[in-house]
Amino acid sequence: QVQLVESGGGLVQAGGSLRLSCAASGRAFSTYAMGWFRQAPGKNREFVAGISRTFSNTYYADSVKGRFSISRDNAKNTVYLQMNSLKPEDTANYYCAADLRGAGSNVNSGAYEYWGQGTQVTVSS
């Protein structure tokens, strides 16, 4: 079992930055990959970024490459999503998710076994 709790969302102007955090508990954090997804109203949940167990490999959606950065601190059982140069189209509810069998590269939300409750990010123009 894995429990995930996101934090760090909020309202920011276009061009600004936010850092999301996801604190994990339960199963040993270093044994599974992590991903960030987002879902805007009326849209499907989409992959944003992923990171492998040992944080040596990271993966990004084309829409956020060069602006967002995923990282993890296995000593603190936490994964982060640093979001820079935010755009109004980044507005969504952001979720972290645990992938117990994969490497963090899976863009399919169905591959992730555990999810946080989400944190809202709103970018104003």
N, C-alpha and C. Protein backbone atom coordinates (compact mmCIF):
# COMPACT_ATOMS: atom_id res chain seq x y z
N GLN A 1 0.84 -1.19 0.00
CA GLN A 1 0.00 0.00 0.00
C GLN A 1 0.88 1.24 0.00
N VAL A 2 0.42 2.24 -0.73
CA VAL A 2 1.11 3.52 -0.82
C VAL A 2 0.10 4.64 -0.62
N GLN A 3 0.44 5.60 0.21
CA GLN A 3 -0.40 6.77 0.39
C GLN A 3 0.36 7.99 -0.13
N LEU A 4 -0.34 8.83 -0.89
CA LEU A 4 0.29 9.99 -1.52
C LEU A 4 -0.49 11.25 -1.20
N VAL A 5 0.22 12.30 -0.85
CA VAL A 5 -0.43 13.58 -0.52
C VAL A 5 0.31 14.70 -1.23
N GLU A 6 -0.40 15.39 -2.13
CA GLU A 6 0.19 16.51 -2.86
C GLU A 6 0.01 17.82 -2.10
N SER A 7 0.88 18.77 -2.40
CA SER A 7 0.76 20.12 -1.87
C SER A 7 1.50 21.07 -2.80
N GLY A 8 1.25 22.37 -2.62
CA GLY A 8 1.99 23.37 -3.37
C GLY A 8 1.24 24.04 -4.49
N GLY A 9 0.02 23.61 -4.76
CA GLY A 9 -0.75 24.25 -5.81
C GLY A 9 -1.18 25.66 -5.40
N GLY A 10 -1.74 26.38 -6.36
CA GLY A 10 -2.22 27.73 -6.07
C GLY A 10 -2.48 28.52 -7.32
N LEU A 11 -2.65 29.83 -7.14
CA LEU A 11 -2.91 30.75 -8.23
C LEU A 11 -1.63 31.52 -8.54
N VAL A 12 -1.26 31.56 -9.81
CA VAL A 12 -0.04 32.26 -10.21
C VAL A 12 -0.28 32.94 -11.55
N GLN A 13 0.42 34.02 -11.79
CA GLN A 13 0.29 34.71 -13.07
C GLN A 13 1.12 33.99 -14.14
N ALA A 14 0.72 34.16 -15.37
CA ALA A 14 1.47 33.59 -16.48
C ALA A 14 2.92 34.05 -16.42
N GLY A 15 3.82 33.10 -16.66
CA GLY A 15 5.25 33.38 -16.57
C GLY A 15 5.83 33.08 -15.21
N GLY A 16 4.99 32.85 -14.23
CA GLY A 16 5.44 32.57 -12.88
C GLY A 16 5.83 31.11 -12.67
N SER A 17 6.14 30.79 -11.42
CA SER A 17 6.60 29.45 -11.07
C SER A 17 5.86 28.91 -9.85
N LEU A 18 5.78 27.61 -9.78
CA LEU A 18 5.26 26.90 -8.61
C LEU A 18 6.06 25.62 -8.46
N ARG A 19 6.16 25.14 -7.21
CA ARG A 19 6.74 23.82 -6.99
C ARG A 19 5.73 22.98 -6.24
N LEU A 20 5.36 21.86 -6.86
CA LEU A 20 4.47 20.90 -6.24
C LEU A 20 5.29 19.85 -5.52
N SER A 21 4.75 19.38 -4.40
CA SER A 21 5.37 18.30 -3.64
C SER A 21 4.38 17.16 -3.49
N CYS A 22 4.90 15.96 -3.38
CA CYS A 22 4.06 14.79 -3.16
C CYS A 22 4.78 13.93 -2.12
N ALA A 23 4.18 13.84 -0.93
CA ALA A 23 4.75 13.05 0.14
C ALA A 23 4.16 11.65 0.12
N ALA A 24 5.03 10.66 0.16
CA ALA A 24 4.60 9.27 0.11
C ALA A 24 4.81 8.58 1.44
N SER A 25 3.97 7.61 1.72
CA SER A 25 4.13 6.77 2.90
C SER A 25 3.65 5.37 2.58
N GLY A 26 4.02 4.44 3.45
CA GLY A 26 3.65 3.04 3.22
C GLY A 26 4.85 2.27 2.71
N ARG A 27 4.73 1.67 1.56
CA ARG A 27 5.82 0.89 0.95
C ARG A 27 7.07 1.75 0.76
N ALA A 28 8.23 1.14 0.84
CA ALA A 28 9.51 1.84 0.71
C ALA A 28 9.54 2.68 -0.56
N PHE A 29 9.78 3.97 -0.41
CA PHE A 29 9.65 4.92 -1.52
C PHE A 29 10.60 4.61 -2.67
N SER A 30 11.78 4.15 -2.35
CA SER A 30 12.79 3.92 -3.39
C SER A 30 12.51 2.69 -4.26
N THR A 31 11.42 1.98 -3.98
CA THR A 31 11.12 0.76 -4.72
C THR A 31 10.14 0.97 -5.87
N TYR A 32 9.69 2.20 -6.09
CA TYR A 32 8.74 2.41 -7.19
C TYR A 32 8.99 3.75 -7.87
N ALA A 33 8.59 3.78 -9.14
CA ALA A 33 8.69 5.00 -9.92
C ALA A 33 7.50 5.91 -9.62
N MET A 34 7.66 7.18 -9.98
CA MET A 34 6.61 8.16 -9.71
C MET A 34 6.29 8.96 -10.96
N GLY A 35 5.06 9.42 -11.02
CA GLY A 35 4.66 10.27 -12.13
C GLY A 35 3.77 11.41 -11.66
N TRP A 36 3.72 12.45 -12.48
CA TRP A 36 2.77 13.54 -12.30
C TRP A 36 1.84 13.57 -13.49
N PHE A 37 0.57 13.71 -13.21
CA PHE A 37 -0.45 13.85 -14.24
C PHE A 37 -1.25 15.12 -13.95
N ARG A 38 -2.02 15.56 -14.93
CA ARG A 38 -2.92 16.69 -14.69
C ARG A 38 -4.22 16.47 -15.45
N GLN A 39 -5.25 17.12 -14.95
CA GLN A 39 -6.55 17.02 -15.59
C GLN A 39 -7.26 18.35 -15.50
N ALA A 40 -7.57 18.91 -16.66
CA ALA A 40 -8.32 20.15 -16.74
C ALA A 40 -9.81 19.82 -16.92
N PRO A 41 -10.69 20.73 -16.55
CA PRO A 41 -12.13 20.47 -16.69
C PRO A 41 -12.50 20.08 -18.11
N GLY A 42 -13.25 18.98 -18.23
CA GLY A 42 -13.70 18.54 -19.54
C GLY A 42 -12.66 17.83 -20.38
N LYS A 43 -11.47 17.60 -19.79
CA LYS A 43 -10.40 16.95 -20.55
C LYS A 43 -9.97 15.67 -19.84
N ASN A 44 -9.30 14.80 -20.60
CA ASN A 44 -8.77 13.57 -20.02
C ASN A 44 -7.54 13.87 -19.17
N ARG A 45 -7.28 12.96 -18.24
CA ARG A 45 -6.06 13.08 -17.44
C ARG A 45 -4.87 12.82 -18.35
N GLU A 46 -3.84 13.67 -18.26
CA GLU A 46 -2.69 13.51 -19.14
C GLU A 46 -1.39 13.45 -18.35
N PHE A 47 -0.45 12.70 -18.90
CA PHE A 47 0.87 12.55 -18.31
C PHE A 47 1.62 13.88 -18.43
N VAL A 48 2.32 14.23 -17.35
CA VAL A 48 3.12 15.44 -17.35
C VAL A 48 4.61 15.09 -17.26
N ALA A 49 4.96 14.28 -16.26
CA ALA A 49 6.37 13.93 -16.06
C ALA A 49 6.46 12.66 -15.24
N GLY A 50 7.59 11.95 -15.39
CA GLY A 50 7.82 10.74 -14.61
C GLY A 50 9.29 10.62 -14.24
N ILE A 51 9.54 9.84 -13.19
CA ILE A 51 10.91 9.67 -12.73
C ILE A 51 11.07 8.24 -12.22
N SER A 52 12.25 7.67 -12.51
CA SER A 52 12.52 6.30 -12.12
C SER A 52 12.79 6.19 -10.63
N ARG A 53 12.93 4.95 -10.16
CA ARG A 53 13.12 4.68 -8.73
C ARG A 53 14.33 5.40 -8.16
N THR A 54 15.42 5.38 -8.92
CA THR A 54 16.68 5.93 -8.44
C THR A 54 16.96 7.31 -9.01
N PHE A 55 15.90 7.96 -9.54
CA PHE A 55 15.91 9.31 -10.13
C PHE A 55 16.97 9.52 -11.19
N SER A 56 17.45 8.44 -11.79
CA SER A 56 18.44 8.61 -12.84
C SER A 56 17.80 8.89 -14.19
N ASN A 57 16.53 8.56 -14.32
CA ASN A 57 15.82 8.78 -15.58
C ASN A 57 14.56 9.60 -15.36
N THR A 58 14.38 10.61 -16.19
CA THR A 58 13.19 11.44 -16.12
C THR A 58 12.54 11.52 -17.51
N TYR A 59 11.24 11.75 -17.51
CA TYR A 59 10.46 11.74 -18.74
C TYR A 59 9.46 12.90 -18.67
N TYR A 60 9.20 13.53 -19.83
CA TYR A 60 8.32 14.69 -19.87
C TYR A 60 7.40 14.65 -21.08
N ALA A 61 6.21 15.20 -20.88
CA ALA A 61 5.34 15.45 -22.02
C ALA A 61 5.95 16.59 -22.84
N ASP A 62 5.73 16.55 -24.13
CA ASP A 62 6.29 17.59 -25.00
C ASP A 62 5.83 18.98 -24.58
N SER A 63 4.61 19.07 -24.08
CA SER A 63 4.04 20.37 -23.74
C SER A 63 4.73 21.06 -22.57
N VAL A 64 5.50 20.30 -21.76
CA VAL A 64 6.14 20.89 -20.59
C VAL A 64 7.66 20.82 -20.65
N LYS A 65 8.19 20.16 -21.66
CA LYS A 65 9.65 20.02 -21.76
C LYS A 65 10.31 21.38 -21.78
N GLY A 66 11.37 21.51 -20.98
CA GLY A 66 12.10 22.76 -20.91
C GLY A 66 11.53 23.75 -19.91
N ARG A 67 10.31 23.48 -19.41
CA ARG A 67 9.68 24.37 -18.43
C ARG A 67 9.50 23.70 -17.08
N PHE A 68 9.19 22.41 -17.08
CA PHE A 68 8.94 21.67 -15.85
C PHE A 68 10.12 20.73 -15.56
N SER A 69 10.32 20.45 -14.28
CA SER A 69 11.38 19.54 -13.88
C SER A 69 10.89 18.67 -12.74
N ILE A 70 11.02 17.35 -12.90
CA ILE A 70 10.64 16.41 -11.86
C ILE A 70 11.89 15.95 -11.13
N SER A 71 11.76 15.79 -9.82
CA SER A 71 12.87 15.28 -9.01
C SER A 71 12.29 14.53 -7.83
N ARG A 72 13.15 13.78 -7.15
CA ARG A 72 12.70 13.05 -5.97
C ARG A 72 13.80 13.04 -4.93
N ASP A 73 13.39 13.00 -3.68
CA ASP A 73 14.31 12.88 -2.56
C ASP A 73 13.89 11.62 -1.81
N ASN A 74 14.62 10.54 -2.03
CA ASN A 74 14.23 9.26 -1.42
C ASN A 74 14.40 9.27 0.10
N ALA A 75 15.25 10.14 0.61
CA ALA A 75 15.42 10.24 2.06
C ALA A 75 14.20 10.91 2.71
N LYS A 76 13.51 11.75 1.94
CA LYS A 76 12.33 12.46 2.46
C LYS A 76 11.03 11.87 1.94
N ASN A 77 11.13 10.80 1.15
CA ASN A 77 9.94 10.14 0.59
C ASN A 77 9.05 11.14 -0.15
N THR A 78 9.68 11.98 -0.94
CA THR A 78 8.96 13.06 -1.61
C THR A 78 9.40 13.20 -3.06
N VAL A 79 8.44 13.45 -3.91
CA VAL A 79 8.71 13.77 -5.31
C VAL A 79 8.22 15.20 -5.55
N TYR A 80 8.95 15.91 -6.39
CA TYR A 80 8.66 17.31 -6.66
C TYR A 80 8.39 17.54 -8.14
N LEU A 81 7.62 18.59 -8.42
CA LEU A 81 7.46 19.05 -9.79
C LEU A 81 7.68 20.56 -9.79
N GLN A 82 8.82 20.98 -10.29
CA GLN A 82 9.12 22.40 -10.42
C GLN A 82 8.56 22.88 -11.73
N MET A 83 7.68 23.88 -11.67
CA MET A 83 7.01 24.38 -12.86
C MET A 83 7.39 25.84 -13.07
N ASN A 84 8.06 26.11 -14.17
CA ASN A 84 8.49 27.46 -14.52
C ASN A 84 7.80 27.91 -15.80
N SER A 85 7.84 29.21 -16.05
CA SER A 85 7.24 29.79 -17.27
C SER A 85 5.82 29.28 -17.47
N LEU A 86 5.04 29.33 -16.44
CA LEU A 86 3.69 28.76 -16.50
C LEU A 86 2.81 29.53 -17.48
N LYS A 87 1.93 28.78 -18.11
CA LYS A 87 0.99 29.32 -19.10
C LYS A 87 -0.44 29.04 -18.64
N PRO A 88 -1.39 29.84 -19.11
CA PRO A 88 -2.79 29.57 -18.75
C PRO A 88 -3.24 28.15 -19.08
N GLU A 89 -2.69 27.57 -20.14
CA GLU A 89 -3.08 26.21 -20.51
C GLU A 89 -2.51 25.15 -19.57
N ASP A 90 -1.67 25.55 -18.62
CA ASP A 90 -1.19 24.63 -17.59
C ASP A 90 -2.20 24.50 -16.45
N THR A 91 -3.24 25.31 -16.47
CA THR A 91 -4.26 25.26 -15.42
C THR A 91 -4.93 23.89 -15.40
N ALA A 92 -4.91 23.25 -14.23
CA ALA A 92 -5.46 21.90 -14.08
C ALA A 92 -5.32 21.47 -12.64
N ASN A 93 -5.93 20.35 -12.34
CA ASN A 93 -5.69 19.66 -11.08
C ASN A 93 -4.52 18.70 -11.33
N TYR A 94 -3.50 18.80 -10.50
CA TYR A 94 -2.29 18.00 -10.67
C TYR A 94 -2.27 16.85 -9.66
N TYR A 95 -1.95 15.66 -10.15
CA TYR A 95 -1.93 14.46 -9.33
C TYR A 95 -0.56 13.80 -9.41
N CYS A 96 -0.09 13.28 -8.28
CA CYS A 96 1.07 12.41 -8.32
C CYS A 96 0.57 10.97 -8.24
N ALA A 97 1.36 10.06 -8.78
CA ALA A 97 0.96 8.67 -8.85
C ALA A 97 2.17 7.76 -8.75
N ALA A 98 1.95 6.58 -8.18
CA ALA A 98 3.02 5.60 -8.00
C ALA A 98 2.87 4.47 -8.99
N ASP A 99 3.98 4.14 -9.65
CA ASP A 99 4.04 3.03 -10.60
C ASP A 99 4.94 1.96 -10.02
N LEU A 100 4.35 0.92 -9.43
CA LEU A 100 5.12 -0.09 -8.70
C LEU A 100 5.92 -1.01 -9.63
N ARG A 101 5.49 -1.11 -10.89
CA ARG A 101 6.14 -2.08 -11.77
C ARG A 101 6.94 -1.43 -12.90
N GLY A 102 6.68 -0.17 -13.16
CA GLY A 102 7.31 0.48 -14.30
C GLY A 102 8.51 1.31 -13.94
N ALA A 103 8.95 2.12 -14.92
CA ALA A 103 10.17 2.91 -14.77
C ALA A 103 9.91 4.40 -14.74
N GLY A 104 8.63 4.80 -14.69
CA GLY A 104 8.31 6.21 -14.66
C GLY A 104 8.08 6.80 -16.03
N SER A 105 8.23 5.98 -17.08
CA SER A 105 8.06 6.47 -18.44
C SER A 105 6.67 6.21 -19.00
N ASN A 106 5.84 5.52 -18.25
CA ASN A 106 4.52 5.15 -18.75
C ASN A 106 3.58 6.36 -18.75
N VAL A 107 3.06 6.71 -19.92
CA VAL A 107 2.16 7.86 -20.04
C VAL A 107 0.71 7.46 -19.83
N ASN A 108 0.46 6.18 -19.67
CA ASN A 108 -0.89 5.67 -19.48
C ASN A 108 -1.24 5.69 -17.99
N SER A 109 -2.27 6.45 -17.63
CA SER A 109 -2.63 6.57 -16.23
C SER A 109 -3.03 5.24 -15.61
N GLY A 110 -3.51 4.32 -16.44
CA GLY A 110 -3.93 3.02 -15.93
C GLY A 110 -2.79 2.17 -15.40
N ALA A 111 -1.57 2.54 -15.72
CA ALA A 111 -0.41 1.78 -15.26
C ALA A 111 0.00 2.12 -13.83
N TYR A 112 -0.55 3.18 -13.29
CA TYR A 112 -0.18 3.66 -11.96
C TYR A 112 -1.19 3.15 -10.94
N GLU A 113 -0.68 2.54 -9.89
CA GLU A 113 -1.55 1.85 -8.94
C GLU A 113 -2.10 2.75 -7.83
N TYR A 114 -1.37 3.78 -7.48
CA TYR A 114 -1.79 4.63 -6.37
C TYR A 114 -1.75 6.09 -6.78
N TRP A 115 -2.71 6.86 -6.24
CA TRP A 115 -2.87 8.26 -6.63
C TRP A 115 -3.07 9.13 -5.39
N GLY A 116 -2.60 10.38 -5.51
CA GLY A 116 -2.93 11.37 -4.51
C GLY A 116 -4.29 11.99 -4.79
N GLN A 117 -4.68 12.91 -3.95
CA GLN A 117 -6.01 13.52 -4.07
C GLN A 117 -6.01 14.70 -5.05
N GLY A 118 -4.82 15.17 -5.42
CA GLY A 118 -4.72 16.26 -6.37
C GLY A 118 -4.54 17.61 -5.72
N THR A 119 -3.89 18.51 -6.45
CA THR A 119 -3.74 19.89 -6.00
C THR A 119 -3.98 20.80 -7.20
N GLN A 120 -4.75 21.85 -6.99
CA GLN A 120 -5.17 22.71 -8.09
C GLN A 120 -4.11 23.76 -8.41
N VAL A 121 -3.82 23.88 -9.70
CA VAL A 121 -2.93 24.92 -10.21
C VAL A 121 -3.72 25.78 -11.17
N THR A 122 -3.76 27.07 -10.90
CA THR A 122 -4.47 28.01 -11.77
C THR A 122 -3.50 29.09 -12.22
N VAL A 123 -3.39 29.25 -13.54
CA VAL A 123 -2.48 30.25 -14.11
C VAL A 123 -3.32 31.31 -14.80
N SER A 124 -3.20 32.52 -14.32
CA SER A 124 -3.98 33.62 -14.89
C SER A 124 -3.17 34.33 -15.98
N SER A 125 -3.91 34.84 -16.98
CA SER A 125 -3.24 35.50 -18.11
C SER A 125 -3.05 36.99 -17.84
